């Protein structure tokens, strides 16, 4: 999607991100001109695999010790420390904000200043997979719990044209769960999509919002199990190409 926007001459004035979008967004905001190259390399080589590449016994050992999560956050922290070209929000080329879910407050918390890496780690802290992240005495989980697609935040900050770069699940209809493990996934999807659609319906007039297509290969209703195979990075390159092609077609038709 970033490649398509770059080819179309779209340059961001503001970046907001949640969950893995906070990580990607930090690279875009740090240097929009090199973001495509940096992120393509990051998600196409062994760096992504190393973040969640622990063996089964290592994951079970981490879970046994922590009681709450399967993976340490240290590999992701090291990756960001090595590859992210800025350290503070104030250093980004364009304004950047990311959101996390506050545990003590049970509310959304927007990070807007200070160290970038702890904020991104907090926004990416998927419950059960990664530990909650402590920042200034407070603990945070994944921003997707409170803002799955934060269009409203961008608008509140003054955006009049918004490009939504999403992972594709909103393009696929849900279906009633048929197995015990599908119940929680369907419930979470309903909650996150409801918040997004509610924000979209409440947007004031005069705004333009483009939800770029991810180019999924199938549109069959049901639960998207790709999110469960988070350790498999073998299909990322192909997914990038599908999203690029679909987004180029969309931009040629709509923009």
Foldseek 3Di string as FASTA:
>chain_A
DLVLCVVVVHQDQEQEAFAVRLVLRLQCQQPVVCSVVLVCVCLVDCLLLVQQVDDPVQQVVVCVVPVKARGERVSVLVSCVPRRPDFWQVNTNHFYKYWWQWDVVRAIDIDGTDTSSLVNSQQNAATHHYAWGDDPRTTTHHRLQHAVWPPVVVVVVPAQEEETEHQAPVQAAADDDDDPVQVVVVVSVVVSVVVVVVSVVPDDPRGHYHYQHQQDPDRYHHGDCVVVVSSDSPCVVVSVVSSSVRRNVVVVPPD
